[in-house]
Structures are given as structure tokens and as C-alpha cells.
Amino acid sequence: MSIAENVGYYLDKIKSGNSFGESVTLVAATKTRTAQEINEAIAAGITDIGENKVQEFREKYDLVHGGRRHFIGHLQTNKVKYLIGKTCLIHSLDRDELAEELAVRSQRAGVVTNVLIEVNIGCELSKSGYSLNEAYAAYERVRGMQGLKVCGFMAMLPLSDDSVLLARLADEMRALYDRARAHDGDIRHLSMGMSGDWELCLAHGANMIRLGTAIFGSRESLSKGSDLRRDS
């Protein structure tokens, strides 16, 4: 299927929302994809695109026409300056040091940066993020920082064939999301679900999914490194 056909297929699949009756945002994960491919996806109906690497974000920024820009990859503090004022949402706030740098840079630029608290829900050594036990306290700290707005949470489920385990982890993320949302009107995104597990995630409360290969097709680099699962 073509990119346009894939976009149409997945937009149709999510139009009924998640299991909570909430609308679902599809973020097209564009790591290694050309500006031409991304523009084709946007022309087919994609409204949100997510880059994984700052260098690619910068290289493609002026070549991509339309689409709300997300950053979904691991972010080094020394590269924060390249994203400030150019993203609608940073999904990967995974440590206090990064929050502090984002806050300082945002205040300096006179903008508010929307962020998601990244949770290492599977307690995997290969992934960054706050543990589930730390995540709510991290949310409260970041929420109090000028220049930042916490809009929800992000997680990547571990690679596993154990659907019971994955469902439990997804439910734990939803519970965290609901706890914060109960008293904070800015909380509106639970970003969880990629090409291999998006249906399970929607069934357990995700309302934002990140699809790369499902939209653009496979790529050879998918076999290299666990971090690539951010945009698969």
C-alpha cells in the first residue's frame, strides 16, 4: 500500500476513538523519512508529525509543509535550544535536568513549551524515563516550573508476547494519567502505542499513538537498537 493508502487506513481505524470514548491523535513518526514522504502523509490527512532526532528535526523543518511538530526521541540538554518555540509537544521529558533546561530556555525565549512526562513503565535498563513510582512526583515538580506546561504522559510498552502483562502496564499508565487529569485541565494526552501495539494501547486508554512503519513502510534500521521503538 502507498503512504496515502496507509494514512487513510489508520485514520479510519482510529476515528471511533479509544475505549474511553476519547478522540485519538495519530502522530506520524518520521525518523529517517524524507521530507517528500512526510509531505505525502500530510497531504493524505496526517496532522501531527514526530521526529526522533534533533538533527533531522532541524534539517527537515523548512522542507515539510504543514503538520504540528512533535519531538518524540531522547533529548540531550545541549540540543534543547534547537526545539524551543518550534514544537507543539515534546513527548520525552525523562529527567529533572532536562526539565530545568527546557524551562530556562523557554522563559528566555518568552514561550511556553508543552511536554509529556516520560515513564519507563517496563523498568527497562535500555530505556529512559521516570519509574512509575516516581512519575507523579515528577509531574508535580515540572508542573510548577515557569515556561513549561505538562500535558500528560508518554510510555513505550516493552517488547513482549505476554498480552496480560502489557495490558496491566497500559492500565497503570492510564491510572497515572487519570490521577493527574482529575485536578489538572492541562492533562489531555496519554501517548502510548506504536505500530506493533497501538490497538492494545487504545483498548487500555491511550489517546495518542505514534506510528512510523505502519504508515511509511519498513526500513532496514529497525533492527538496530531498542530506542528505535519510539517511532515504530
C-alpha atoms as a PDB file:
ATOM      1  CA  MET A   1       0.000   0.000   0.000  1.00  0.00           C
ATOM      2  CA  SER A   2       1.097   3.572  -0.617  1.00  0.00           C
ATOM      3  CA  ILE A   3       1.712   6.114   2.115  1.00  0.00           C
ATOM      4  CA  ALA A   4      -1.596   7.796   1.296  1.00  0.00           C
ATOM      5  CA  GLU A   5      -3.444   4.472   1.480  1.00  0.00           C
ATOM      6  CA  ASN A   6      -1.821   3.641   4.810  1.00  0.00           C
ATOM      7  CA  VAL A   7      -2.740   7.036   6.224  1.00  0.00           C
ATOM      8  CA  GLY A   8      -6.343   6.588   5.143  1.00  0.00           C
ATOM      9  CA  TYR A   9      -6.466   3.110   6.642  1.00  0.00           C
ATOM     10  CA  TYR A  10      -5.189   4.107  10.079  1.00  0.00           C
ATOM     11  CA  LEU A  11      -7.170   7.329  10.287  1.00  0.00           C
ATOM     12  CA  ASP A  12     -10.271   5.274   9.584  1.00  0.00           C
ATOM     13  CA  LYS A  13      -9.290   2.698  12.220  1.00  0.00           C
ATOM     14  CA  ILE A  14      -8.984   5.311  14.983  1.00  0.00           C
ATOM     15  CA  LYS A  15     -11.916   7.542  14.104  1.00  0.00           C
ATOM     16  CA  SER A  16     -14.165   5.842  16.667  1.00  0.00           C
ATOM     17  CA  GLY A  17     -11.752   6.799  19.450  1.00  0.00           C
ATOM     18  CA  ASN A  18     -10.312   4.758  22.290  1.00  0.00           C
ATOM     19  CA  SER A  19     -12.049   2.544  24.833  1.00  0.00           C
ATOM     20  CA  PHE A  20     -12.896   5.605  26.946  1.00  0.00           C
ATOM     21  CA  GLY A  21     -14.687   7.294  24.057  1.00  0.00           C
ATOM     22  CA  GLU A  22     -11.911   9.866  23.633  1.00  0.00           C
ATOM     23  CA  SER A  23     -10.666  11.039  20.261  1.00  0.00           C
ATOM     24  CA  VAL A  24      -7.258   9.707  19.253  1.00  0.00           C
ATOM     25  CA  THR A  25      -4.386  11.709  17.784  1.00  0.00           C
ATOM     26  CA  LEU A  26      -2.193   9.896  15.280  1.00  0.00           C
ATOM     27  CA  VAL A  27       1.383  11.175  15.243  1.00  0.00           C
ATOM     28  CA  ALA A  28       3.297  10.027  12.172  1.00  0.00           C
ATOM     29  CA  ALA A  29       6.774   9.100  13.377  1.00  0.00           C
ATOM     30  CA  THR A  30       9.173  10.324  10.710  1.00  0.00           C
ATOM     31  CA  LYS A  31      12.636   9.170  11.727  1.00  0.00           C
ATOM     32  CA  THR A  32      14.780   8.576   8.581  1.00  0.00           C
ATOM     33  CA  ARG A  33      11.870   9.550   6.321  1.00  0.00           C
ATOM     34  CA  THR A  34      12.355  12.128   3.605  1.00  0.00           C
ATOM     35  CA  ALA A  35      10.558  15.451   3.514  1.00  0.00           C
ATOM     36  CA  GLN A  36       8.802  14.231   0.371  1.00  0.00           C
ATOM     37  CA  GLU A  37       7.418  11.188   2.198  1.00  0.00           C
ATOM     38  CA  ILE A  38       6.321  13.320   5.136  1.00  0.00           C
ATOM     39  CA  ASN A  39       4.604  15.832   2.870  1.00  0.00           C
ATOM     40  CA  GLU A  40       2.805  12.966   1.146  1.00  0.00           C
ATOM     41  CA  ALA A  41       1.499  11.773   4.510  1.00  0.00           C
ATOM     42  CA  ILE A  42       0.366  15.303   5.418  1.00  0.00           C
ATOM     43  CA  ALA A  43      -1.410  15.673   2.078  1.00  0.00           C
ATOM     44  CA  ALA A  44      -3.224  12.411   2.841  1.00  0.00           C
ATOM     45  CA  GLY A  45      -4.552  13.702   6.145  1.00  0.00           C
ATOM     46  CA  ILE A  46      -1.819  13.453   8.780  1.00  0.00           C
ATOM     47  CA  THR A  47      -1.987  16.478  11.072  1.00  0.00           C
ATOM     48  CA  ASP A  48       0.816  15.653  13.536  1.00  0.00           C
ATOM     49  CA  ILE A  49       4.377  14.528  12.841  1.00  0.00           C
ATOM     50  CA  GLY A  50       7.058  13.427  15.279  1.00  0.00           C
ATOM     51  CA  GLU A  51      10.813  13.492  14.868  1.00  0.00           C
ATOM     52  CA  ASN A  52      13.195  11.372  16.916  1.00  0.00           C
ATOM     53  CA  LYS A  53      16.494  13.192  16.354  1.00  0.00           C
ATOM     54  CA  VAL A  54      17.180  16.908  16.707  1.00  0.00           C
ATOM     55  CA  GLN A  55      19.428  16.964  13.651  1.00  0.00           C
ATOM     56  CA  GLU A  56      16.670  15.526  11.468  1.00  0.00           C
ATOM     57  CA  PHE A  57      14.145  17.884  13.022  1.00  0.00           C
ATOM     58  CA  ARG A  58      16.297  20.861  12.003  1.00  0.00           C
ATOM     59  CA  GLU A  59      17.145  19.550   8.535  1.00  0.00           C
ATOM     60  CA  LYS A  60      13.523  18.903   7.594  1.00  0.00           C
ATOM     61  CA  TYR A  61      11.866  21.782   9.394  1.00  0.00           C
ATOM     62  CA  ASP A  62      11.590  24.149   6.422  1.00  0.00           C
ATOM     63  CA  LEU A  63      11.059  21.355   3.894  1.00  0.00           C
ATOM     64  CA  VAL A  64       7.933  19.946   5.485  1.00  0.00           C
ATOM     65  CA  HIS A  65       4.742  21.832   4.709  1.00  0.00           C
ATOM     66  CA  GLY A  66       2.142  21.830   7.445  1.00  0.00           C
ATOM     67  CA  GLY A  67       1.612  19.486  10.327  1.00  0.00           C
ATOM     68  CA  ARG A  68       2.044  20.088  14.029  1.00  0.00           C
ATOM     69  CA  ARG A  69       5.617  19.273  15.013  1.00  0.00           C
ATOM     70  CA  HIS A  70       6.283  16.866  17.883  1.00  0.00           C
ATOM     71  CA  PHE A  71       9.606  15.693  19.270  1.00  0.00           C
ATOM     72  CA  ILE A  72       9.413  12.075  20.415  1.00  0.00           C
ATOM     73  CA  GLY A  73      13.024  10.942  20.906  1.00  0.00           C
ATOM     74  CA  HIS A  74      15.550  11.114  23.704  1.00  0.00           C
ATOM     75  CA  LEU A  75      16.613  14.742  24.102  1.00  0.00           C
ATOM     76  CA  GLN A  76      20.060  15.904  25.182  1.00  0.00           C
ATOM     77  CA  THR A  77      20.128  19.110  27.219  1.00  0.00           C
ATOM     78  CA  ASN A  78      22.641  20.752  24.872  1.00  0.00           C
ATOM     79  CA  LYS A  79      20.166  20.422  21.979  1.00  0.00           C
ATOM     80  CA  VAL A  80      17.109  21.848  23.709  1.00  0.00           C
ATOM     81  CA  LYS A  81      17.798  25.283  22.203  1.00  0.00           C
ATOM     82  CA  TYR A  82      17.028  23.991  18.709  1.00  0.00           C
ATOM     83  CA  LEU A  83      13.476  22.958  19.616  1.00  0.00           C
ATOM     84  CA  ILE A  84      12.239  25.862  21.713  1.00  0.00           C
ATOM     85  CA  GLY A  85       9.374  27.648  20.003  1.00  0.00           C
ATOM     86  CA  LYS A  86       9.246  25.100  17.179  1.00  0.00           C
ATOM     87  CA  THR A  87       7.388  22.157  18.714  1.00  0.00           C
ATOM     88  CA  CYS A  88       3.785  21.744  19.724  1.00  0.00           C
ATOM     89  CA  LEU A  89       4.717  18.933  22.126  1.00  0.00           C
ATOM     90  CA  ILE A  90       7.852  17.257  23.474  1.00  0.00           C
ATOM     91  CA  HIS A  91       6.971  13.684  24.450  1.00  0.00           C
ATOM     92  CA  SER A  92      10.213  12.692  26.146  1.00  0.00           C
ATOM     93  CA  LEU A  93      10.763  14.709  29.312  1.00  0.00           C
ATOM     94  CA  ASP A  94      12.583  11.930  31.131  1.00  0.00           C
ATOM     95  CA  ARG A  95      14.631  13.632  33.883  1.00  0.00           C
ATOM     96  CA  ASP A  96      14.708  16.723  36.057  1.00  0.00           C
ATOM     97  CA  GLU A  97      17.857  18.094  34.418  1.00  0.00           C
ATOM     98  CA  LEU A  98      16.062  18.219  31.083  1.00  0.00           C
ATOM     99  CA  ALA A  99      13.007  19.869  32.629  1.00  0.00           C
ATOM    100  CA  GLU A 100      15.169  22.598  34.122  1.00  0.00           C
ATOM    101  CA  GLU A 101      16.909  23.287  30.817  1.00  0.00           C
ATOM    102  CA  LEU A 102      13.615  23.371  28.928  1.00  0.00           C
ATOM    103  CA  ALA A 103      12.171  25.768  31.484  1.00  0.00           C
ATOM    104  CA  VAL A 104      15.141  28.143  31.373  1.00  0.00           C
ATOM    105  CA  ARG A 105      15.266  28.181  27.567  1.00  0.00           C
ATOM    106  CA  SER A 106      11.506  28.633  27.281  1.00  0.00           C
ATOM    107  CA  GLN A 107      11.432  31.556  29.693  1.00  0.00           C
ATOM    108  CA  ARG A 108      14.348  33.156  27.897  1.00  0.00           C
ATOM    109  CA  ALA A 109      12.500  32.868  24.580  1.00  0.00           C
ATOM    110  CA  GLY A 110       9.214  34.074  26.056  1.00  0.00           C
ATOM    111  CA  VAL A 111       7.325  30.896  25.177  1.00  0.00           C
ATOM    112  CA  VAL A 112       5.607  28.041  26.989  1.00  0.00           C
ATOM    113  CA  THR A 113       6.761  24.578  25.950  1.00  0.00           C
ATOM    114  CA  ASN A 114       4.256  21.729  26.105  1.00  0.00           C
ATOM    115  CA  VAL A 115       5.714  18.500  27.457  1.00  0.00           C
ATOM    116  CA  LEU A 116       4.812  14.950  28.400  1.00  0.00           C
ATOM    117  CA  ILE A 117       6.385  13.151  31.351  1.00  0.00           C
ATOM    118  CA  GLU A 118       8.088  10.020  30.023  1.00  0.00           C
ATOM    119  CA  VAL A 119       7.541   6.923  32.151  1.00  0.00           C
ATOM    120  CA  ASN A 120       9.714   3.820  31.922  1.00  0.00           C
ATOM    121  CA  ILE A 121       6.694   1.639  32.569  1.00  0.00           C
ATOM    122  CA  GLY A 122       8.532  -1.636  31.948  1.00  0.00           C
ATOM    123  CA  CYS A 123      11.504  -0.735  34.200  1.00  0.00           C
ATOM    124  CA  GLU A 124      13.827  -1.483  31.277  1.00  0.00           C
ATOM    125  CA  LEU A 125      17.512  -0.622  31.563  1.00  0.00           C
ATOM    126  CA  SER A 126      17.637   0.187  27.858  1.00  0.00           C
ATOM    127  CA  LYS A 127      15.016   2.933  28.145  1.00  0.00           C
ATOM    128  CA  SER A 128      14.972   6.308  29.822  1.00  0.00           C
ATOM    129  CA  GLY A 129      12.173   7.859  31.815  1.00  0.00           C
ATOM    130  CA  TYR A 130      10.877   8.099  35.353  1.00  0.00           C
ATOM    131  CA  SER A 131       9.737   4.942  37.074  1.00  0.00           C
ATOM    132  CA  LEU A 132       6.018   4.617  37.684  1.00  0.00           C
ATOM    133  CA  ASN A 133       6.600   5.287  41.382  1.00  0.00           C
ATOM    134  CA  GLU A 134       8.486   8.496  40.595  1.00  0.00           C
ATOM    135  CA  ALA A 135       6.282   9.773  37.787  1.00  0.00           C
ATOM    136  CA  TYR A 136       3.575  11.581  39.726  1.00  0.00           C
ATOM    137  CA  ALA A 137       6.064  13.457  41.890  1.00  0.00           C
ATOM    138  CA  ALA A 138       7.999  14.363  38.738  1.00  0.00           C
ATOM    139  CA  TYR A 139       4.795  15.662  37.179  1.00  0.00           C
ATOM    140  CA  GLU A 140       4.154  17.843  40.226  1.00  0.00           C
ATOM    141  CA  ARG A 141       7.688  19.270  40.125  1.00  0.00           C
ATOM    142  CA  VAL A 142       7.596  20.024  36.426  1.00  0.00           C
ATOM    143  CA  ARG A 143       4.102  21.458  36.645  1.00  0.00           C
ATOM    144  CA  GLY A 144       5.479  24.115  38.951  1.00  0.00           C
ATOM    145  CA  MET A 145       8.192  25.256  36.531  1.00  0.00           C
ATOM    146  CA  GLN A 146       7.623  28.503  34.661  1.00  0.00           C
ATOM    147  CA  GLY A 147       7.899  28.129  30.911  1.00  0.00           C
ATOM    148  CA  LEU A 148       6.578  24.558  30.858  1.00  0.00           C
ATOM    149  CA  LYS A 149       3.102  23.079  30.589  1.00  0.00           C
ATOM    150  CA  VAL A 150       2.663  19.396  31.384  1.00  0.00           C
ATOM    151  CA  CYS A 151       0.046  17.997  29.019  1.00  0.00           C
ATOM    152  CA  GLY A 152       0.195  14.331  30.008  1.00  0.00           C
ATOM    153  CA  PHE A 153       2.395  11.273  29.925  1.00  0.00           C
ATOM    154  CA  MET A 154       4.265   9.101  27.436  1.00  0.00           C
ATOM    155  CA  ALA A 155       5.371   5.481  27.634  1.00  0.00           C
ATOM    156  CA  MET A 156       6.673   2.650  25.478  1.00  0.00           C
ATOM    157  CA  LEU A 157       5.477  -0.799  26.387  1.00  0.00           C
ATOM    158  CA  PRO A 158       8.217  -3.459  26.461  1.00  0.00           C
ATOM    159  CA  LEU A 159       8.604  -5.989  23.679  1.00  0.00           C
ATOM    160  CA  SER A 160       6.682  -8.977  24.960  1.00  0.00           C
ATOM    161  CA  ASP A 161       4.251 -11.657  23.828  1.00  0.00           C
ATOM    162  CA  ASP A 162       2.585 -11.546  27.238  1.00  0.00           C
ATOM    163  CA  SER A 163      -0.620  -9.655  26.490  1.00  0.00           C
ATOM    164  CA  VAL A 164      -1.725  -9.833  30.131  1.00  0.00           C
ATOM    165  CA  LEU A 165       1.472  -8.082  31.226  1.00  0.00           C
ATOM    166  CA  LEU A 166       1.177  -5.441  28.532  1.00  0.00           C
ATOM    167  CA  ALA A 167      -2.461  -4.786  29.388  1.00  0.00           C
ATOM    168  CA  ARG A 168      -1.561  -4.367  33.065  1.00  0.00           C
ATOM    169  CA  LEU A 169       1.227  -1.898  32.258  1.00  0.00           C
ATOM    170  CA  ALA A 170      -1.052   0.074  29.945  1.00  0.00           C
ATOM    171  CA  ASP A 171      -3.714   0.186  32.669  1.00  0.00           C
ATOM    172  CA  GLU A 172      -1.118   1.508  35.132  1.00  0.00           C
ATOM    173  CA  MET A 173      -0.286   4.313  32.718  1.00  0.00           C
ATOM    174  CA  ARG A 174      -3.957   5.143  32.308  1.00  0.00           C
ATOM    175  CA  ALA A 175      -4.392   5.249  36.082  1.00  0.00           C
ATOM    176  CA  LEU A 176      -1.478   7.683  36.356  1.00  0.00           C
ATOM    177  CA  TYR A 177      -2.977   9.822  33.608  1.00  0.00           C
ATOM    178  CA  ASP A 178      -6.405   9.834  35.270  1.00  0.00           C
ATOM    179  CA  ARG A 179      -4.904  10.737  38.650  1.00  0.00           C
ATOM    180  CA  ALA A 180      -3.312  13.871  37.216  1.00  0.00           C
ATOM    181  CA  ARG A 181      -6.227  14.728  34.954  1.00  0.00           C
ATOM    182  CA  ALA A 182      -8.682  14.652  37.877  1.00  0.00           C
ATOM    183  CA  HIS A 183      -7.451  18.054  39.059  1.00  0.00           C
ATOM    184  CA  ASP A 184      -5.460  19.451  36.117  1.00  0.00           C
ATOM    185  CA  GLY A 185      -7.238  20.611  32.994  1.00  0.00           C
ATOM    186  CA  ASP A 186      -3.987  20.758  31.029  1.00  0.00           C
ATOM    187  CA  ILE A 187      -3.646  16.967  31.160  1.00  0.00           C
ATOM    188  CA  ARG A 188      -5.046  15.658  27.874  1.00  0.00           C
ATOM    189  CA  HIS A 189      -2.531  13.322  26.225  1.00  0.00           C
ATOM    190  CA  LEU A 190      -1.570   9.744  27.023  1.00  0.00           C
ATOM    191  CA  SER A 191       0.959   8.999  24.294  1.00  0.00           C
ATOM    192  CA  MET A 192       1.315   5.232  24.181  1.00  0.00           C
ATOM    193  CA  GLY A 193       1.177   2.856  21.242  1.00  0.00           C
ATOM    194  CA  MET A 194       3.277   2.198  18.170  1.00  0.00           C
ATOM    195  CA  SER A 195       2.997   0.083  15.048  1.00  0.00           C
ATOM    196  CA  GLY A 196       3.153  -3.202  16.958  1.00  0.00           C
ATOM    197  CA  ASP A 197       0.932  -2.453  19.950  1.00  0.00           C
ATOM    198  CA  TRP A 198      -1.310   0.515  19.173  1.00  0.00           C
ATOM    199  CA  GLU A 199      -4.545  -1.492  19.263  1.00  0.00           C
ATOM    200  CA  LEU A 200      -3.824  -2.837  22.741  1.00  0.00           C
ATOM    201  CA  CYS A 201      -2.890   0.652  23.909  1.00  0.00           C
ATOM    202  CA  LEU A 202      -6.107   2.199  22.621  1.00  0.00           C
ATOM    203  CA  ALA A 203      -8.075  -0.590  24.285  1.00  0.00           C
ATOM    204  CA  HIS A 204      -6.476   0.397  27.587  1.00  0.00           C
ATOM    205  CA  GLY A 205      -6.825   4.148  27.392  1.00  0.00           C
ATOM    206  CA  ALA A 206      -4.133   5.715  25.207  1.00  0.00           C
ATOM    207  CA  ASN A 207      -5.392   8.706  23.230  1.00  0.00           C
ATOM    208  CA  MET A 208      -2.246   9.455  21.218  1.00  0.00           C
ATOM    209  CA  ILE A 209      -0.323   6.897  19.165  1.00  0.00           C
ATOM    210  CA  ARG A 210       2.951   7.155  17.271  1.00  0.00           C
ATOM    211  CA  LEU A 211       3.068   5.163  14.024  1.00  0.00           C
ATOM    212  CA  GLY A 212       6.096   5.045  11.747  1.00  0.00           C
ATOM    213  CA  THR A 213       6.493   1.795   9.831  1.00  0.00           C
ATOM    214  CA  ALA A 214       2.731   1.292   9.700  1.00  0.00           C
ATOM    215  CA  ILE A 215       2.467   4.464   7.635  1.00  0.00           C
ATOM    216  CA  PHE A 216       5.765   4.667   5.768  1.00  0.00           C
ATOM    217  CA  GLY A 217       6.733   1.003   5.456  1.00  0.00           C
ATOM    218  CA  SER A 218       9.624  -0.949   6.909  1.00  0.00           C
ATOM    219  CA  ARG A 219      13.215   0.198   6.997  1.00  0.00           C
ATOM    220  CA  GLU A 220      16.449  -1.700   7.435  1.00  0.00           C
ATOM    221  CA  SER A 221      17.436   0.272  10.534  1.00  0.00           C
ATOM    222  CA  LEU A 222      14.509  -1.076  12.540  1.00  0.00           C
ATOM    223  CA  SER A 223      16.671  -3.985  13.664  1.00  0.00           C
ATOM    224  CA  LYS A 224      19.257  -1.669  15.222  1.00  0.00           C
ATOM    225  CA  GLY A 225      18.743  -0.524  18.781  1.00  0.00           C
ATOM    226  CA  SER A 226      15.825  -0.511  21.176  1.00  0.00           C
ATOM    227  CA  ASP A 227      15.399   3.264  21.043  1.00  0.00           C
ATOM    228  CA  LEU A 228      14.019   2.919  17.512  1.00  0.00           C
ATOM    229  CA  ARG A 229      10.817   1.610  19.056  1.00  0.00           C
ATOM    230  CA  ARG A 230       9.938   5.203  19.901  1.00  0.00           C
ATOM    231  CA  ASP A 231       8.885   5.693  16.311  1.00  0.00           C
ATOM    232  CA  SER A 232       7.892   2.286  15.040  1.00  0.00           C
END
